[in-house]
């Protein structure tokens, strides 16, 4: 049983490290200037970006195990839904930024929903 627990911890840390790495890559890209102040389907791209970023940095920067409270999980889940709807409508040169943001957001939400943050 201890071995399964250890494997779970390794898997959790591996998933966390993967999220950290993808977030680091995302943060190396600037927000697409051409999209500043733009809305798609009534969604402000800057607001989605900053809201998701706030939730993700809270998740990554906590002083204890990676965690988001229920409210932030809901907010980040809403960002995922918006990004899933919006990304296909973006020009290819801007899509990678928002696709990566969506992917990181999805991974954080999934991580929290599975209870791996306990």
C-alpha atoms as a PDB file:
ATOM      1  CA  UNK A   1       0.000   0.000   0.000  1.00  0.00           C
ATOM      2  CA  UNK A   2       2.848   2.383   0.798  1.00  0.00           C
ATOM      3  CA  UNK A   3       4.233   1.782  -2.660  1.00  0.00           C
ATOM      4  CA  UNK A   4       0.953   2.888  -4.261  1.00  0.00           C
ATOM      5  CA  UNK A   5       0.966   5.983  -2.089  1.00  0.00           C
ATOM      6  CA  UNK A   6       4.534   6.742  -3.115  1.00  0.00           C
ATOM      7  CA  UNK A   7       3.653   6.264  -6.773  1.00  0.00           C
ATOM      8  CA  UNK A   8       0.729   8.638  -6.345  1.00  0.00           C
ATOM      9  CA  UNK A   9       3.016  11.264  -4.859  1.00  0.00           C
ATOM     10  CA  UNK A  10       5.507  10.833  -7.698  1.00  0.00           C
ATOM     11  CA  UNK A  11       2.712  11.078 -10.255  1.00  0.00           C
ATOM     12  CA  UNK A  12       1.317  14.163  -8.532  1.00  0.00           C
ATOM     13  CA  UNK A  13       4.722  15.844  -8.438  1.00  0.00           C
ATOM     14  CA  UNK A  14       5.300  14.923 -12.067  1.00  0.00           C
ATOM     15  CA  UNK A  15       1.957  16.463 -13.043  1.00  0.00           C
ATOM     16  CA  UNK A  16       2.721  19.547 -10.968  1.00  0.00           C
ATOM     17  CA  UNK A  17       6.177  19.851 -12.573  1.00  0.00           C
ATOM     18  CA  UNK A  18       4.568  19.506 -15.998  1.00  0.00           C
ATOM     19  CA  UNK A  19       2.125  22.312 -15.194  1.00  0.00           C
ATOM     20  CA  UNK A  20       4.990  24.471 -13.906  1.00  0.00           C
ATOM     21  CA  UNK A  21       7.007  23.901 -17.084  1.00  0.00           C
ATOM     22  CA  UNK A  22       4.103  24.642 -19.406  1.00  0.00           C
ATOM     23  CA  UNK A  23       3.301  27.805 -17.422  1.00  0.00           C
ATOM     24  CA  UNK A  24       6.937  28.903 -17.657  1.00  0.00           C
ATOM     25  CA  UNK A  25       6.821  28.431 -21.436  1.00  0.00           C
ATOM     26  CA  UNK A  26       3.548  30.350 -21.637  1.00  0.00           C
ATOM     27  CA  UNK A  27       4.920  33.232 -19.582  1.00  0.00           C
ATOM     28  CA  UNK A  28       7.872  33.557 -21.970  1.00  0.00           C
ATOM     29  CA  UNK A  29       5.428  34.663 -24.676  1.00  0.00           C
ATOM     30  CA  UNK A  30       4.074  38.208 -24.640  1.00  0.00           C
ATOM     31  CA  UNK A  31       0.335  38.848 -24.778  1.00  0.00           C
ATOM     32  CA  UNK A  32      -0.525  39.459 -28.447  1.00  0.00           C
ATOM     33  CA  UNK A  33      -0.589  43.283 -28.695  1.00  0.00           C
ATOM     34  CA  UNK A  34      -3.058  43.221 -31.556  1.00  0.00           C
ATOM     35  CA  UNK A  35      -5.610  41.621 -29.214  1.00  0.00           C
ATOM     36  CA  UNK A  36      -5.326  44.110 -26.348  1.00  0.00           C
ATOM     37  CA  UNK A  37      -8.806  45.477 -25.718  1.00  0.00           C
ATOM     38  CA  UNK A  38     -10.408  43.001 -28.109  1.00  0.00           C
ATOM     39  CA  UNK A  39     -13.495  40.945 -27.369  1.00  0.00           C
ATOM     40  CA  UNK A  40     -14.653  37.739 -29.005  1.00  0.00           C
ATOM     41  CA  UNK A  41     -18.188  36.542 -28.371  1.00  0.00           C
ATOM     42  CA  UNK A  42     -18.474  39.230 -25.697  1.00  0.00           C
ATOM     43  CA  UNK A  43     -15.378  37.946 -23.848  1.00  0.00           C
ATOM     44  CA  UNK A  44     -12.558  40.381 -23.139  1.00  0.00           C
ATOM     45  CA  UNK A  45      -9.308  38.593 -23.977  1.00  0.00           C
ATOM     46  CA  UNK A  46      -7.231  40.633 -21.522  1.00  0.00           C
ATOM     47  CA  UNK A  47      -9.681  39.853 -18.713  1.00  0.00           C
ATOM     48  CA  UNK A  48      -9.658  36.122 -19.459  1.00  0.00           C
ATOM     49  CA  UNK A  49      -5.852  36.166 -19.600  1.00  0.00           C
ATOM     50  CA  UNK A  50      -5.421  38.028 -16.305  1.00  0.00           C
ATOM     51  CA  UNK A  51      -8.116  36.034 -14.511  1.00  0.00           C
ATOM     52  CA  UNK A  52      -6.667  32.681 -15.558  1.00  0.00           C
ATOM     53  CA  UNK A  53      -3.136  33.881 -14.752  1.00  0.00           C
ATOM     54  CA  UNK A  54      -4.206  34.913 -11.251  1.00  0.00           C
ATOM     55  CA  UNK A  55      -5.701  31.493 -10.560  1.00  0.00           C
ATOM     56  CA  UNK A  56      -2.731  29.628 -12.025  1.00  0.00           C
ATOM     57  CA  UNK A  57      -0.148  31.646 -10.092  1.00  0.00           C
ATOM     58  CA  UNK A  58      -2.145  31.102  -6.900  1.00  0.00           C
ATOM     59  CA  UNK A  59      -2.122  27.356  -7.590  1.00  0.00           C
ATOM     60  CA  UNK A  60       1.607  27.286  -8.349  1.00  0.00           C
ATOM     61  CA  UNK A  61       2.721  29.680  -5.657  1.00  0.00           C
ATOM     62  CA  UNK A  62       0.960  28.379  -2.573  1.00  0.00           C
ATOM     63  CA  UNK A  63       2.966  27.735   0.565  1.00  0.00           C
ATOM     64  CA  UNK A  64       1.481  24.248   0.867  1.00  0.00           C
ATOM     65  CA  UNK A  65       0.564  21.539  -1.626  1.00  0.00           C
ATOM     66  CA  UNK A  66      -0.797  22.892  -4.942  1.00  0.00           C
ATOM     67  CA  UNK A  67      -4.340  24.016  -4.274  1.00  0.00           C
ATOM     68  CA  UNK A  68      -7.157  26.260  -5.442  1.00  0.00           C
ATOM     69  CA  UNK A  69     -10.196  26.990  -3.337  1.00  0.00           C
ATOM     70  CA  UNK A  70     -13.608  26.099  -4.791  1.00  0.00           C
ATOM     71  CA  UNK A  71     -14.286  29.659  -5.995  1.00  0.00           C
ATOM     72  CA  UNK A  72     -11.009  29.879  -7.926  1.00  0.00           C
ATOM     73  CA  UNK A  73     -11.571  26.406  -9.384  1.00  0.00           C
ATOM     74  CA  UNK A  74     -14.945  27.609 -10.673  1.00  0.00           C
ATOM     75  CA  UNK A  75     -13.477  30.835 -12.052  1.00  0.00           C
ATOM     76  CA  UNK A  76     -10.655  28.963 -13.792  1.00  0.00           C
ATOM     77  CA  UNK A  77     -13.149  26.413 -15.139  1.00  0.00           C
ATOM     78  CA  UNK A  78     -15.143  29.307 -16.609  1.00  0.00           C
ATOM     79  CA  UNK A  79     -11.943  30.593 -18.244  1.00  0.00           C
ATOM     80  CA  UNK A  80     -11.368  27.141 -19.759  1.00  0.00           C
ATOM     81  CA  UNK A  81     -14.885  27.143 -21.206  1.00  0.00           C
ATOM     82  CA  UNK A  82     -14.395  30.628 -22.670  1.00  0.00           C
ATOM     83  CA  UNK A  83     -10.979  29.776 -24.092  1.00  0.00           C
ATOM     84  CA  UNK A  84     -12.300  26.550 -25.625  1.00  0.00           C
ATOM     85  CA  UNK A  85     -14.967  28.561 -27.411  1.00  0.00           C
ATOM     86  CA  UNK A  86     -12.693  31.468 -28.392  1.00  0.00           C
ATOM     87  CA  UNK A  87      -9.448  29.777 -29.481  1.00  0.00           C
ATOM     88  CA  UNK A  88     -10.755  28.380 -32.781  1.00  0.00           C
ATOM     89  CA  UNK A  89     -11.789  31.908 -33.779  1.00  0.00           C
ATOM     90  CA  UNK A  90      -8.305  33.382 -33.334  1.00  0.00           C
ATOM     91  CA  UNK A  91      -5.781  33.887 -36.091  1.00  0.00           C
ATOM     92  CA  UNK A  92      -3.064  31.237 -36.076  1.00  0.00           C
ATOM     93  CA  UNK A  93      -0.361  33.675 -34.943  1.00  0.00           C
ATOM     94  CA  UNK A  94      -2.339  34.457 -31.777  1.00  0.00           C
ATOM     95  CA  UNK A  95      -3.781  31.022 -31.132  1.00  0.00           C
ATOM     96  CA  UNK A  96      -0.693  29.455 -29.522  1.00  0.00           C
ATOM     97  CA  UNK A  97      -0.767  31.987 -26.694  1.00  0.00           C
ATOM     98  CA  UNK A  98      -4.393  31.278 -25.836  1.00  0.00           C
ATOM     99  CA  UNK A  99      -4.228  27.540 -26.549  1.00  0.00           C
ATOM    100  CA  UNK A 100      -1.374  27.240 -24.064  1.00  0.00           C
ATOM    101  CA  UNK A 101      -3.282  29.304 -21.504  1.00  0.00           C
ATOM    102  CA  UNK A 102      -6.272  26.992 -21.991  1.00  0.00           C
ATOM    103  CA  UNK A 103      -4.124  23.883 -21.636  1.00  0.00           C
ATOM    104  CA  UNK A 104      -2.480  25.072 -18.409  1.00  0.00           C
ATOM    105  CA  UNK A 105      -5.868  26.110 -17.037  1.00  0.00           C
ATOM    106  CA  UNK A 106      -7.412  22.725 -17.894  1.00  0.00           C
ATOM    107  CA  UNK A 107      -4.561  20.867 -16.217  1.00  0.00           C
ATOM    108  CA  UNK A 108      -4.859  22.925 -13.035  1.00  0.00           C
ATOM    109  CA  UNK A 109      -8.628  22.404 -12.859  1.00  0.00           C
ATOM    110  CA  UNK A 110      -8.251  18.657 -13.496  1.00  0.00           C
ATOM    111  CA  UNK A 111      -5.505  18.415 -10.882  1.00  0.00           C
ATOM    112  CA  UNK A 112      -7.709  20.097  -8.284  1.00  0.00           C
ATOM    113  CA  UNK A 113     -10.849  18.132  -9.191  1.00  0.00           C
ATOM    114  CA  UNK A 114      -9.058  14.829  -8.768  1.00  0.00           C
ATOM    115  CA  UNK A 115      -8.198  15.826  -5.239  1.00  0.00           C
ATOM    116  CA  UNK A 116      -4.496  15.617  -5.873  1.00  0.00           C
ATOM    117  CA  UNK A 117      -4.046  18.819  -3.925  1.00  0.00           C
ATOM    118  CA  UNK A 118      -4.974  17.219  -0.593  1.00  0.00           C
END
